[in-house]
């Protein structure tokens, strides 16, 4: 999600030692390799589709995994964020390892922010986003602009572990974010609310995501994403022509939607319309670059290629269709 600043610290503070104790009790065998295969990176799913830690999908009912259900304070931390919780993990970065520079360009993260709570860390761990860099201290709560290129460096010998929550947020969460502070800002009046572990054994109520990927994207959402990508493009003489192609696609989409909605028999027509658009703009937009230095076409395909119509992959029945449309959640960060 694009944010007004590279990093924003939220006014929440958690007991990192208590969280670390819960994590230490987890069997090492439940940790998994990072899905992108970054060396030295591993993860432990806490919230996944149907609560299945092995399920890497982005669509479906999110639910707690057995590891989260056995961790009462982790549950309390999620509840204290006052968000609708999406995919959530513990992300571990080994000593002398890094997460290479990238952006989170998949559809799932377009409207979701990544909340980071450092649990085990060291002062030398460096989180870079755009031109900014911070060390997130244990127990703090941060969000960052995943639309900017970012990376993480752990030059210590010990591992770094963060709780990472993907969420659209919620009313109270975004009010808290508005009270957040950016690195280097004055600390006058800054008083984050400490959320200690509650002795109440009753599990807290946590709202989990159930609606995440569309069956067929509405014309209003499709137009919003494409206009965002055009607005994010660096100045280029081809942009007016590219804009005409975008307008035409949205008009075709609106006509199909008015007639069919997301009815299954019409989905092939939606897919054909998007595939024809992609073929038309591929060469046209080849030199168009976004402000984050990523190629416009490549990001557009990763963000929208598989997400505009569920169940029918890009290029199905379309000659010349590019095959670089990644999964809905491609290029995940830690």
C-alpha atoms as a PDB file:
ATOM      1  CA  UNK A   1       0.000   0.000   0.000  1.00  0.00           C
ATOM      2  CA  UNK A   2       1.183   3.481  -0.878  1.00  0.00           C
ATOM      3  CA  UNK A   3       1.556   5.657   2.247  1.00  0.00           C
ATOM      4  CA  UNK A   4       2.352   9.365   2.697  1.00  0.00           C
ATOM      5  CA  UNK A   5       5.708   8.503   4.335  1.00  0.00           C
ATOM      6  CA  UNK A   6       8.184   5.622   4.059  1.00  0.00           C
ATOM      7  CA  UNK A   7       7.672   4.649   7.722  1.00  0.00           C
ATOM      8  CA  UNK A   8       5.020   5.436  10.327  1.00  0.00           C
ATOM      9  CA  UNK A   9       5.302   4.272  13.928  1.00  0.00           C
ATOM     10  CA  UNK A  10       1.913   3.590  15.503  1.00  0.00           C
ATOM     11  CA  UNK A  11       1.163   4.618  19.119  1.00  0.00           C
ATOM     12  CA  UNK A  12       1.181   1.011  20.361  1.00  0.00           C
ATOM     13  CA  UNK A  13       3.782  -0.844  22.387  1.00  0.00           C
ATOM     14  CA  UNK A  14       3.841  -4.572  23.161  1.00  0.00           C
ATOM     15  CA  UNK A  15       5.786  -6.769  25.581  1.00  0.00           C
ATOM     16  CA  UNK A  16       8.477  -8.175  23.304  1.00  0.00           C
ATOM     17  CA  UNK A  17       9.869 -10.477  26.006  1.00  0.00           C
ATOM     18  CA  UNK A  18       6.466 -12.107  26.508  1.00  0.00           C
ATOM     19  CA  UNK A  19       6.077 -12.529  22.732  1.00  0.00           C
ATOM     20  CA  UNK A  20       9.582 -13.961  22.443  1.00  0.00           C
ATOM     21  CA  UNK A  21       8.776 -16.487  25.177  1.00  0.00           C
ATOM     22  CA  UNK A  22       5.722 -17.687  23.260  1.00  0.00           C
ATOM     23  CA  UNK A  23       7.765 -18.032  20.090  1.00  0.00           C
ATOM     24  CA  UNK A  24      10.526 -19.918  21.888  1.00  0.00           C
ATOM     25  CA  UNK A  25       7.948 -22.522  22.900  1.00  0.00           C
ATOM     26  CA  UNK A  26       7.089 -23.232  19.223  1.00  0.00           C
ATOM     27  CA  UNK A  27       8.675 -26.346  17.771  1.00  0.00           C
ATOM     28  CA  UNK A  28      11.318 -25.531  15.162  1.00  0.00           C
ATOM     29  CA  UNK A  29       9.756 -28.005  12.733  1.00  0.00           C
ATOM     30  CA  UNK A  30       6.725 -25.761  12.133  1.00  0.00           C
ATOM     31  CA  UNK A  31       8.869 -22.996  10.627  1.00  0.00           C
ATOM     32  CA  UNK A  32       8.761 -22.946   6.814  1.00  0.00           C
ATOM     33  CA  UNK A  33      11.020 -21.595   4.049  1.00  0.00           C
ATOM     34  CA  UNK A  34      10.086 -18.164   2.779  1.00  0.00           C
ATOM     35  CA  UNK A  35       7.741 -18.542  -0.231  1.00  0.00           C
ATOM     36  CA  UNK A  36      10.019 -16.429  -2.433  1.00  0.00           C
ATOM     37  CA  UNK A  37      13.027 -18.522  -1.453  1.00  0.00           C
ATOM     38  CA  UNK A  38      15.102 -15.658  -0.020  1.00  0.00           C
ATOM     39  CA  UNK A  39      18.236 -17.227   1.545  1.00  0.00           C
ATOM     40  CA  UNK A  40      18.210 -17.061   5.332  1.00  0.00           C
ATOM     41  CA  UNK A  41      14.491 -16.224   5.434  1.00  0.00           C
ATOM     42  CA  UNK A  42      11.850 -18.394   7.093  1.00  0.00           C
ATOM     43  CA  UNK A  43       8.301 -17.898   8.285  1.00  0.00           C
ATOM     44  CA  UNK A  44       5.653 -19.319  10.573  1.00  0.00           C
ATOM     45  CA  UNK A  45       2.039 -18.799   9.436  1.00  0.00           C
ATOM     46  CA  UNK A  46      -0.330 -17.558  12.147  1.00  0.00           C
ATOM     47  CA  UNK A  47      -3.340 -16.657   9.990  1.00  0.00           C
ATOM     48  CA  UNK A  48      -4.014 -18.435   6.692  1.00  0.00           C
ATOM     49  CA  UNK A  49      -6.918 -19.551   4.539  1.00  0.00           C
ATOM     50  CA  UNK A  50      -9.027 -21.959   6.630  1.00  0.00           C
ATOM     51  CA  UNK A  51      -6.319 -21.861   9.293  1.00  0.00           C
ATOM     52  CA  UNK A  52      -4.125 -24.163   7.197  1.00  0.00           C
ATOM     53  CA  UNK A  53      -0.485 -23.190   7.669  1.00  0.00           C
ATOM     54  CA  UNK A  54       0.415 -24.941   4.418  1.00  0.00           C
ATOM     55  CA  UNK A  55      -2.104 -22.924   2.390  1.00  0.00           C
ATOM     56  CA  UNK A  56      -0.381 -20.036   0.608  1.00  0.00           C
ATOM     57  CA  UNK A  57      -3.579 -18.825  -1.079  1.00  0.00           C
ATOM     58  CA  UNK A  58      -4.786 -15.230  -0.875  1.00  0.00           C
ATOM     59  CA  UNK A  59      -8.495 -15.930  -1.423  1.00  0.00           C
ATOM     60  CA  UNK A  60     -10.829 -17.390   1.177  1.00  0.00           C
ATOM     61  CA  UNK A  61     -11.748 -17.274   4.823  1.00  0.00           C
ATOM     62  CA  UNK A  62      -8.714 -16.346   6.911  1.00  0.00           C
ATOM     63  CA  UNK A  63      -8.483 -18.172  10.224  1.00  0.00           C
ATOM     64  CA  UNK A  64      -5.936 -18.799  12.992  1.00  0.00           C
ATOM     65  CA  UNK A  65      -3.450 -21.623  12.571  1.00  0.00           C
ATOM     66  CA  UNK A  66      -2.783 -24.055  15.451  1.00  0.00           C
ATOM     67  CA  UNK A  67       0.358 -22.068  16.349  1.00  0.00           C
ATOM     68  CA  UNK A  68      -1.655 -18.884  16.874  1.00  0.00           C
ATOM     69  CA  UNK A  69      -4.327 -20.705  18.890  1.00  0.00           C
ATOM     70  CA  UNK A  70      -1.560 -21.902  21.232  1.00  0.00           C
ATOM     71  CA  UNK A  71      -0.205 -18.358  21.681  1.00  0.00           C
ATOM     72  CA  UNK A  72      -2.514 -16.242  23.882  1.00  0.00           C
ATOM     73  CA  UNK A  73      -0.467 -13.052  23.866  1.00  0.00           C
ATOM     74  CA  UNK A  74      -0.021 -13.092  20.093  1.00  0.00           C
ATOM     75  CA  UNK A  75      -3.814 -13.276  19.870  1.00  0.00           C
ATOM     76  CA  UNK A  76      -4.126 -10.314  22.256  1.00  0.00           C
ATOM     77  CA  UNK A  77      -1.662  -8.303  20.143  1.00  0.00           C
ATOM     78  CA  UNK A  78      -3.733  -8.905  17.001  1.00  0.00           C
ATOM     79  CA  UNK A  79      -6.927  -7.919  18.813  1.00  0.00           C
ATOM     80  CA  UNK A  80      -5.292  -4.735  20.152  1.00  0.00           C
ATOM     81  CA  UNK A  81      -4.517  -3.555  16.606  1.00  0.00           C
ATOM     82  CA  UNK A  82      -8.292  -3.210  15.960  1.00  0.00           C
ATOM     83  CA  UNK A  83      -8.057  -4.374  12.368  1.00  0.00           C
ATOM     84  CA  UNK A  84      -9.634  -6.948  10.098  1.00  0.00           C
ATOM     85  CA  UNK A  85      -6.805  -9.477  10.073  1.00  0.00           C
ATOM     86  CA  UNK A  86      -5.563 -10.958   6.810  1.00  0.00           C
ATOM     87  CA  UNK A  87      -2.578 -13.222   6.211  1.00  0.00           C
ATOM     88  CA  UNK A  88      -0.310 -13.033   9.254  1.00  0.00           C
ATOM     89  CA  UNK A  89       3.081 -14.574   9.921  1.00  0.00           C
ATOM     90  CA  UNK A  90       6.141 -14.571  12.039  1.00  0.00           C
ATOM     91  CA  UNK A  91       8.968 -13.622   9.690  1.00  0.00           C
ATOM     92  CA  UNK A  92      12.497 -14.682  10.641  1.00  0.00           C
ATOM     93  CA  UNK A  93      15.647 -13.300   9.072  1.00  0.00           C
ATOM     94  CA  UNK A  94      18.840 -15.176   9.935  1.00  0.00           C
ATOM     95  CA  UNK A  95      22.005 -13.411  10.973  1.00  0.00           C
ATOM     96  CA  UNK A  96      24.008 -11.976   8.063  1.00  0.00           C
ATOM     97  CA  UNK A  97      20.974 -12.375   5.775  1.00  0.00           C
ATOM     98  CA  UNK A  98      18.815  -9.868   3.911  1.00  0.00           C
ATOM     99  CA  UNK A  99      15.565  -9.381   2.068  1.00  0.00           C
ATOM    100  CA  UNK A 100      16.558  -8.036  -1.332  1.00  0.00           C
ATOM    101  CA  UNK A 101      15.159  -4.766  -2.637  1.00  0.00           C
ATOM    102  CA  UNK A 102      11.673  -5.058  -4.174  1.00  0.00           C
ATOM    103  CA  UNK A 103       8.128  -3.702  -3.985  1.00  0.00           C
ATOM    104  CA  UNK A 104       4.979  -5.532  -2.910  1.00  0.00           C
ATOM    105  CA  UNK A 105       3.183  -5.300  -6.231  1.00  0.00           C
ATOM    106  CA  UNK A 106       0.682  -8.155  -6.043  1.00  0.00           C
ATOM    107  CA  UNK A 107      -3.046  -7.397  -5.962  1.00  0.00           C
ATOM    108  CA  UNK A 108      -3.437  -8.616  -2.383  1.00  0.00           C
ATOM    109  CA  UNK A 109      -1.213  -5.807  -1.098  1.00  0.00           C
ATOM    110  CA  UNK A 110      -2.605  -2.929  -3.160  1.00  0.00           C
ATOM    111  CA  UNK A 111      -5.161  -2.056  -0.473  1.00  0.00           C
ATOM    112  CA  UNK A 112      -3.464  -3.743   2.485  1.00  0.00           C
ATOM    113  CA  UNK A 113      -0.860  -2.323   4.786  1.00  0.00           C
ATOM    114  CA  UNK A 114       1.830  -4.454   6.422  1.00  0.00           C
ATOM    115  CA  UNK A 115       2.015  -4.031  10.184  1.00  0.00           C
ATOM    116  CA  UNK A 116       5.363  -4.969  11.739  1.00  0.00           C
ATOM    117  CA  UNK A 117       5.931  -5.724  15.416  1.00  0.00           C
ATOM    118  CA  UNK A 118       9.601  -6.549  16.064  1.00  0.00           C
ATOM    119  CA  UNK A 119       9.916  -9.333  18.641  1.00  0.00           C
ATOM    120  CA  UNK A 120      13.536 -10.463  18.497  1.00  0.00           C
ATOM    121  CA  UNK A 121      15.887  -7.915  16.982  1.00  0.00           C
ATOM    122  CA  UNK A 122      19.149  -6.006  17.384  1.00  0.00           C
ATOM    123  CA  UNK A 123      20.055  -2.313  16.996  1.00  0.00           C
ATOM    124  CA  UNK A 124      22.008  -3.054  13.804  1.00  0.00           C
ATOM    125  CA  UNK A 125      19.043  -4.520  11.886  1.00  0.00           C
ATOM    126  CA  UNK A 126      18.302  -2.023   9.126  1.00  0.00           C
ATOM    127  CA  UNK A 127      14.955  -1.651   7.335  1.00  0.00           C
ATOM    128  CA  UNK A 128      15.232   0.520   4.213  1.00  0.00           C
ATOM    129  CA  UNK A 129      12.268   1.981   2.315  1.00  0.00           C
ATOM    130  CA  UNK A 130      12.847   4.434  -0.513  1.00  0.00           C
ATOM    131  CA  UNK A 131      15.517   6.835   0.732  1.00  0.00           C
ATOM    132  CA  UNK A 132      14.689   6.267   4.416  1.00  0.00           C
ATOM    133  CA  UNK A 133      15.989   3.692   6.876  1.00  0.00           C
ATOM    134  CA  UNK A 134      15.033   2.757  10.440  1.00  0.00           C
ATOM    135  CA  UNK A 135      15.783   0.275  13.148  1.00  0.00           C
ATOM    136  CA  UNK A 136      12.460  -0.948  14.521  1.00  0.00           C
ATOM    137  CA  UNK A 137      12.940  -1.650  18.223  1.00  0.00           C
ATOM    138  CA  UNK A 138      11.472  -4.686  19.952  1.00  0.00           C
ATOM    139  CA  UNK A 139       7.817  -4.243  20.903  1.00  0.00           C
ATOM    140  CA  UNK A 140       7.199  -1.240  18.666  1.00  0.00           C
ATOM    141  CA  UNK A 141       4.487  -1.206  15.991  1.00  0.00           C
ATOM    142  CA  UNK A 142       5.213   0.079  12.478  1.00  0.00           C
ATOM    143  CA  UNK A 143       3.701   0.349   9.031  1.00  0.00           C
ATOM    144  CA  UNK A 144       5.633   1.223   5.890  1.00  0.00           C
ATOM    145  CA  UNK A 145       5.067   2.154   2.257  1.00  0.00           C
ATOM    146  CA  UNK A 146       5.273  -1.161   0.429  1.00  0.00           C
ATOM    147  CA  UNK A 147       4.878   0.674  -2.896  1.00  0.00           C
ATOM    148  CA  UNK A 148       8.410   2.062  -2.551  1.00  0.00           C
ATOM    149  CA  UNK A 149      11.356  -0.224  -3.087  1.00  0.00           C
ATOM    150  CA  UNK A 150      12.454  -1.659   0.250  1.00  0.00           C
ATOM    151  CA  UNK A 151      14.823  -4.191   1.755  1.00  0.00           C
ATOM    152  CA  UNK A 152      15.949  -5.499   5.168  1.00  0.00           C
ATOM    153  CA  UNK A 153      19.524  -6.126   6.295  1.00  0.00           C
ATOM    154  CA  UNK A 154      20.494  -8.140   9.367  1.00  0.00           C
ATOM    155  CA  UNK A 155      24.240  -7.791   9.818  1.00  0.00           C
ATOM    156  CA  UNK A 156      24.157  -9.354  13.294  1.00  0.00           C
ATOM    157  CA  UNK A 157      24.833 -13.006  14.059  1.00  0.00           C
ATOM    158  CA  UNK A 158      21.454 -13.600  15.721  1.00  0.00           C
ATOM    159  CA  UNK A 159      18.132 -13.951  13.890  1.00  0.00           C
ATOM    160  CA  UNK A 160      15.536 -11.188  13.673  1.00  0.00           C
ATOM    161  CA  UNK A 161      11.855 -12.124  14.148  1.00  0.00           C
ATOM    162  CA  UNK A 162       8.916  -9.834  13.345  1.00  0.00           C
ATOM    163  CA  UNK A 163       5.190 -10.328  13.622  1.00  0.00           C
ATOM    164  CA  UNK A 164       3.875  -9.263  10.185  1.00  0.00           C
ATOM    165  CA  UNK A 165       0.153  -8.611   9.685  1.00  0.00           C
ATOM    166  CA  UNK A 166      -1.456  -7.911   6.306  1.00  0.00           C
ATOM    167  CA  UNK A 167      -4.638  -5.896   6.767  1.00  0.00           C
ATOM    168  CA  UNK A 168      -6.961  -3.349   5.202  1.00  0.00           C
ATOM    169  CA  UNK A 169      -7.086  -1.823   8.684  1.00  0.00           C
ATOM    170  CA  UNK A 170     -10.253  -0.396  10.154  1.00  0.00           C
ATOM    171  CA  UNK A 171     -11.597   2.939  11.359  1.00  0.00           C
ATOM    172  CA  UNK A 172      -9.823   3.015  14.726  1.00  0.00           C
ATOM    173  CA  UNK A 173      -6.613   1.626  13.256  1.00  0.00           C
ATOM    174  CA  UNK A 174      -6.338   4.424  10.704  1.00  0.00           C
ATOM    175  CA  UNK A 175      -7.127   6.998  13.392  1.00  0.00           C
ATOM    176  CA  UNK A 176      -4.190   5.558  15.344  1.00  0.00           C
ATOM    177  CA  UNK A 177      -2.026   5.728  12.216  1.00  0.00           C
ATOM    178  CA  UNK A 178      -2.910   9.421  11.877  1.00  0.00           C
ATOM    179  CA  UNK A 179      -1.506   9.910  15.386  1.00  0.00           C
ATOM    180  CA  UNK A 180       1.637   8.006  14.454  1.00  0.00           C
ATOM    181  CA  UNK A 181       5.053   9.540  13.999  1.00  0.00           C
ATOM    182  CA  UNK A 182       7.672   9.365  11.289  1.00  0.00           C
ATOM    183  CA  UNK A 183      11.384   8.812  11.984  1.00  0.00           C
ATOM    184  CA  UNK A 184      13.133  12.024  12.938  1.00  0.00           C
ATOM    185  CA  UNK A 185       9.942  13.775  14.012  1.00  0.00           C
ATOM    186  CA  UNK A 186       9.750  15.504  17.379  1.00  0.00           C
ATOM    187  CA  UNK A 187       9.023  13.111  20.246  1.00  0.00           C
ATOM    188  CA  UNK A 188       7.170  15.768  22.259  1.00  0.00           C
ATOM    189  CA  UNK A 189       3.896  14.343  23.509  1.00  0.00           C
ATOM    190  CA  UNK A 190       4.649  10.902  22.099  1.00  0.00           C
ATOM    191  CA  UNK A 191       3.205   8.303  24.455  1.00  0.00           C
ATOM    192  CA  UNK A 192       2.444   4.932  22.843  1.00  0.00           C
ATOM    193  CA  UNK A 193      -0.136   2.797  24.641  1.00  0.00           C
ATOM    194  CA  UNK A 194       1.382  -0.260  26.287  1.00  0.00           C
ATOM    195  CA  UNK A 195      -0.591  -3.468  25.715  1.00  0.00           C
ATOM    196  CA  UNK A 196       0.600  -5.965  28.347  1.00  0.00           C
ATOM    197  CA  UNK A 197      -0.414  -9.598  28.415  1.00  0.00           C
ATOM    198  CA  UNK A 198      -3.848 -10.010  29.962  1.00  0.00           C
ATOM    199  CA  UNK A 199      -4.324 -12.718  32.618  1.00  0.00           C
ATOM    200  CA  UNK A 200      -7.789 -13.433  31.210  1.00  0.00           C
ATOM    201  CA  UNK A 201      -7.595 -16.932  29.676  1.00  0.00           C
ATOM    202  CA  UNK A 202     -10.522 -16.265  27.330  1.00  0.00           C
ATOM    203  CA  UNK A 203      -9.352 -15.843  23.706  1.00  0.00           C
ATOM    204  CA  UNK A 204     -10.000 -12.307  22.429  1.00  0.00           C
ATOM    205  CA  UNK A 205     -12.373 -11.604  19.561  1.00  0.00           C
ATOM    206  CA  UNK A 206     -10.369 -11.113  16.365  1.00  0.00           C
ATOM    207  CA  UNK A 207     -12.139 -10.213  13.102  1.00  0.00           C
ATOM    208  CA  UNK A 208     -10.653 -12.190  10.225  1.00  0.00           C
ATOM    209  CA  UNK A 209     -10.810 -11.469   6.514  1.00  0.00           C
ATOM    210  CA  UNK A 210     -13.351 -13.367   4.400  1.00  0.00           C
ATOM    211  CA  UNK A 211     -13.482 -11.166   1.276  1.00  0.00           C
ATOM    212  CA  UNK A 212     -10.116 -10.698  -0.382  1.00  0.00           C
ATOM    213  CA  UNK A 213      -9.948 -11.453  -4.137  1.00  0.00           C
ATOM    214  CA  UNK A 214     -12.791 -10.709  -6.571  1.00  0.00           C
ATOM    215  CA  UNK A 215     -14.447 -13.285  -8.788  1.00  0.00           C
ATOM    216  CA  UNK A 216     -14.595 -10.599 -11.459  1.00  0.00           C
ATOM    217  CA  UNK A 217     -13.232  -7.152 -10.680  1.00  0.00           C
ATOM    218  CA  UNK A 218     -15.877  -4.436 -10.888  1.00  0.00           C
ATOM    219  CA  UNK A 219     -15.338  -1.725 -13.528  1.00  0.00           C
ATOM    220  CA  UNK A 220     -14.979   0.818 -10.726  1.00  0.00           C
ATOM    221  CA  UNK A 221     -12.167  -1.081  -9.031  1.00  0.00           C
ATOM    222  CA  UNK A 222     -10.451  -1.869 -12.332  1.00  0.00           C
ATOM    223  CA  UNK A 223     -10.557   1.802 -13.315  1.00  0.00           C
ATOM    224  CA  UNK A 224      -9.225   2.892  -9.925  1.00  0.00           C
ATOM    225  CA  UNK A 225      -6.179   0.601 -10.133  1.00  0.00           C
ATOM    226  CA  UNK A 226      -5.352   1.532 -13.733  1.00  0.00           C
ATOM    227  CA  UNK A 227      -5.684   5.260 -13.019  1.00  0.00           C
ATOM    228  CA  UNK A 228      -3.409   4.829 -10.006  1.00  0.00           C
ATOM    229  CA  UNK A 229      -0.775   3.188 -12.198  1.00  0.00           C
ATOM    230  CA  UNK A 230      -1.049   5.973 -14.779  1.00  0.00           C
ATOM    231  CA  UNK A 231      -0.716   8.603 -12.043  1.00  0.00           C
ATOM    232  CA  UNK A 232       2.365   6.817 -10.699  1.00  0.00           C
ATOM    233  CA  UNK A 233       4.091   6.771 -14.108  1.00  0.00           C
ATOM    234  CA  UNK A 234       6.986   9.079 -14.828  1.00  0.00           C
ATOM    235  CA  UNK A 235       6.344  11.608 -17.587  1.00  0.00           C
ATOM    236  CA  UNK A 236       6.429   9.937 -20.994  1.00  0.00           C
ATOM    237  CA  UNK A 237       4.977  11.027 -24.373  1.00  0.00           C
ATOM    238  CA  UNK A 238       3.064   7.750 -24.757  1.00  0.00           C
ATOM    239  CA  UNK A 239       0.954   8.243 -21.616  1.00  0.00           C
ATOM    240  CA  UNK A 240      -1.992   9.970 -23.375  1.00  0.00           C
ATOM    241  CA  UNK A 241      -2.302   7.051 -25.803  1.00  0.00           C
ATOM    242  CA  UNK A 242      -1.949   4.576 -22.943  1.00  0.00           C
ATOM    243  CA  UNK A 243      -4.729   6.421 -21.148  1.00  0.00           C
ATOM    244  CA  UNK A 244      -7.017   5.966 -24.172  1.00  0.00           C
ATOM    245  CA  UNK A 245      -6.480   2.208 -24.046  1.00  0.00           C
ATOM    246  CA  UNK A 246      -7.287   2.226 -20.325  1.00  0.00           C
ATOM    247  CA  UNK A 247     -10.486   4.204 -20.927  1.00  0.00           C
ATOM    248  CA  UNK A 248     -11.561   1.801 -23.647  1.00  0.00           C
ATOM    249  CA  UNK A 249     -10.975  -1.260 -21.472  1.00  0.00           C
ATOM    250  CA  UNK A 250     -12.991   0.243 -18.613  1.00  0.00           C
ATOM    251  CA  UNK A 251     -15.854   1.081 -21.005  1.00  0.00           C
ATOM    252  CA  UNK A 252     -15.921  -2.469 -22.334  1.00  0.00           C
ATOM    253  CA  UNK A 253     -15.785  -3.781 -18.763  1.00  0.00           C
ATOM    254  CA  UNK A 254     -18.642  -1.512 -17.683  1.00  0.00           C
ATOM    255  CA  UNK A 255     -20.801  -2.759 -20.533  1.00  0.00           C
ATOM    256  CA  UNK A 256     -20.131  -6.392 -19.654  1.00  0.00           C
ATOM    257  CA  UNK A 257     -20.770  -5.694 -15.987  1.00  0.00           C
ATOM    258  CA  UNK A 258     -24.100  -3.983 -16.637  1.00  0.00           C
ATOM    259  CA  UNK A 259     -25.223  -7.013 -18.613  1.00  0.00           C
ATOM    260  CA  UNK A 260     -23.716  -9.898 -16.638  1.00  0.00           C
ATOM    261  CA  UNK A 261     -22.203  -8.783 -13.340  1.00  0.00           C
ATOM    262  CA  UNK A 262     -19.790 -11.517 -12.239  1.00  0.00           C
ATOM    263  CA  UNK A 263     -21.870 -14.378 -13.684  1.00  0.00           C
ATOM    264  CA  UNK A 264     -19.738 -17.333 -14.673  1.00  0.00           C
ATOM    265  CA  UNK A 265     -20.787 -17.540 -18.370  1.00  0.00           C
ATOM    266  CA  UNK A 266     -19.428 -14.022 -18.972  1.00  0.00           C
ATOM    267  CA  UNK A 267     -16.025 -14.517 -17.367  1.00  0.00           C
ATOM    268  CA  UNK A 268     -14.376 -15.634 -20.602  1.00  0.00           C
ATOM    269  CA  UNK A 269     -15.520 -12.361 -22.201  1.00  0.00           C
ATOM    270  CA  UNK A 270     -13.945 -10.360 -19.382  1.00  0.00           C
ATOM    271  CA  UNK A 271     -10.713 -12.328 -19.745  1.00  0.00           C
ATOM    272  CA  UNK A 272     -10.637 -11.792 -23.522  1.00  0.00           C
ATOM    273  CA  UNK A 273     -11.147  -8.053 -23.048  1.00  0.00           C
ATOM    274  CA  UNK A 274      -8.282  -7.788 -20.570  1.00  0.00           C
ATOM    275  CA  UNK A 275      -5.988  -9.999 -22.643  1.00  0.00           C
ATOM    276  CA  UNK A 276      -6.615  -7.863 -25.737  1.00  0.00           C
ATOM    277  CA  UNK A 277      -5.815  -4.744 -23.696  1.00  0.00           C
ATOM    278  CA  UNK A 278      -2.580  -6.311 -22.427  1.00  0.00           C
ATOM    279  CA  UNK A 279      -1.467  -7.250 -25.937  1.00  0.00           C
ATOM    280  CA  UNK A 280      -2.232  -3.728 -27.194  1.00  0.00           C
ATOM    281  CA  UNK A 281      -0.309  -1.898 -24.462  1.00  0.00           C
ATOM    282  CA  UNK A 282       2.635  -4.259 -24.046  1.00  0.00           C
ATOM    283  CA  UNK A 283       4.868  -2.737 -26.728  1.00  0.00           C
ATOM    284  CA  UNK A 284       3.336   0.707 -26.327  1.00  0.00           C
ATOM    285  CA  UNK A 285       4.249   0.932 -22.635  1.00  0.00           C
ATOM    286  CA  UNK A 286       7.630  -0.773 -22.839  1.00  0.00           C
ATOM    287  CA  UNK A 287       9.603   2.334 -21.808  1.00  0.00           C
ATOM    288  CA  UNK A 288       7.083   3.666 -19.284  1.00  0.00           C
ATOM    289  CA  UNK A 289       8.518   3.524 -15.761  1.00  0.00           C
ATOM    290  CA  UNK A 290       6.827   4.155 -12.430  1.00  0.00           C
ATOM    291  CA  UNK A 291       8.107   6.566  -9.791  1.00  0.00           C
ATOM    292  CA  UNK A 292       9.395   3.579  -7.833  1.00  0.00           C
ATOM    293  CA  UNK A 293      11.581   2.692 -10.871  1.00  0.00           C
ATOM    294  CA  UNK A 294       9.569  -0.404 -11.808  1.00  0.00           C
ATOM    295  CA  UNK A 295       8.322  -0.971 -15.363  1.00  0.00           C
ATOM    296  CA  UNK A 296       4.664   0.061 -15.747  1.00  0.00           C
ATOM    297  CA  UNK A 297       3.611  -2.954 -17.801  1.00  0.00           C
ATOM    298  CA  UNK A 298       5.287  -5.535 -15.578  1.00  0.00           C
ATOM    299  CA  UNK A 299       3.706  -4.140 -12.416  1.00  0.00           C
ATOM    300  CA  UNK A 300       0.312  -3.818 -14.111  1.00  0.00           C
ATOM    301  CA  UNK A 301       0.390  -7.488 -15.081  1.00  0.00           C
ATOM    302  CA  UNK A 302       1.470  -8.686 -11.629  1.00  0.00           C
ATOM    303  CA  UNK A 303      -1.101  -6.483  -9.906  1.00  0.00           C
ATOM    304  CA  UNK A 304      -4.047  -7.185 -12.212  1.00  0.00           C
ATOM    305  CA  UNK A 305      -3.208  -9.954 -14.684  1.00  0.00           C
ATOM    306  CA  UNK A 306      -4.593 -12.857 -12.645  1.00  0.00           C
ATOM    307  CA  UNK A 307      -6.884 -10.863 -10.360  1.00  0.00           C
ATOM    308  CA  UNK A 308      -9.320  -9.248 -12.779  1.00  0.00           C
ATOM    309  CA  UNK A 309     -11.000 -12.620 -13.456  1.00  0.00           C
ATOM    310  CA  UNK A 310     -10.716 -15.615 -11.138  1.00  0.00           C
ATOM    311  CA  UNK A 311     -10.191 -19.090 -12.501  1.00  0.00           C
ATOM    312  CA  UNK A 312      -9.185 -18.122 -16.053  1.00  0.00           C
ATOM    313  CA  UNK A 313      -5.439 -17.454 -16.382  1.00  0.00           C
ATOM    314  CA  UNK A 314      -4.064 -14.671 -18.580  1.00  0.00           C
ATOM    315  CA  UNK A 315      -3.736 -15.691 -22.204  1.00  0.00           C
ATOM    316  CA  UNK A 316      -6.347 -18.440 -22.149  1.00  0.00           C
ATOM    317  CA  UNK A 317      -7.337 -18.535 -25.808  1.00  0.00           C
ATOM    318  CA  UNK A 318      -5.528 -15.273 -26.630  1.00  0.00           C
ATOM    319  CA  UNK A 319      -2.662 -15.310 -29.097  1.00  0.00           C
ATOM    320  CA  UNK A 320       0.351 -13.220 -28.204  1.00  0.00           C
ATOM    321  CA  UNK A 321      -0.699 -12.728 -24.601  1.00  0.00           C
ATOM    322  CA  UNK A 322       2.307 -12.100 -22.302  1.00  0.00           C
ATOM    323  CA  UNK A 323       2.904 -14.743 -19.662  1.00  0.00           C
ATOM    324  CA  UNK A 324       4.469 -12.538 -16.956  1.00  0.00           C
ATOM    325  CA  UNK A 325       1.351 -12.106 -14.849  1.00  0.00           C
ATOM    326  CA  UNK A 326       2.383 -13.325 -11.425  1.00  0.00           C
ATOM    327  CA  UNK A 327       0.119 -14.622  -8.681  1.00  0.00           C
ATOM    328  CA  UNK A 328      -2.108 -12.191  -6.812  1.00  0.00           C
ATOM    329  CA  UNK A 329       0.421 -11.858  -4.047  1.00  0.00           C
ATOM    330  CA  UNK A 330       3.687 -11.892  -5.993  1.00  0.00           C
ATOM    331  CA  UNK A 331       6.812 -10.278  -4.541  1.00  0.00           C
ATOM    332  CA  UNK A 332       6.195 -10.476  -0.832  1.00  0.00           C
ATOM    333  CA  UNK A 333       8.409  -8.654   1.637  1.00  0.00           C
ATOM    334  CA  UNK A 334       9.323  -9.232   5.250  1.00  0.00           C
END
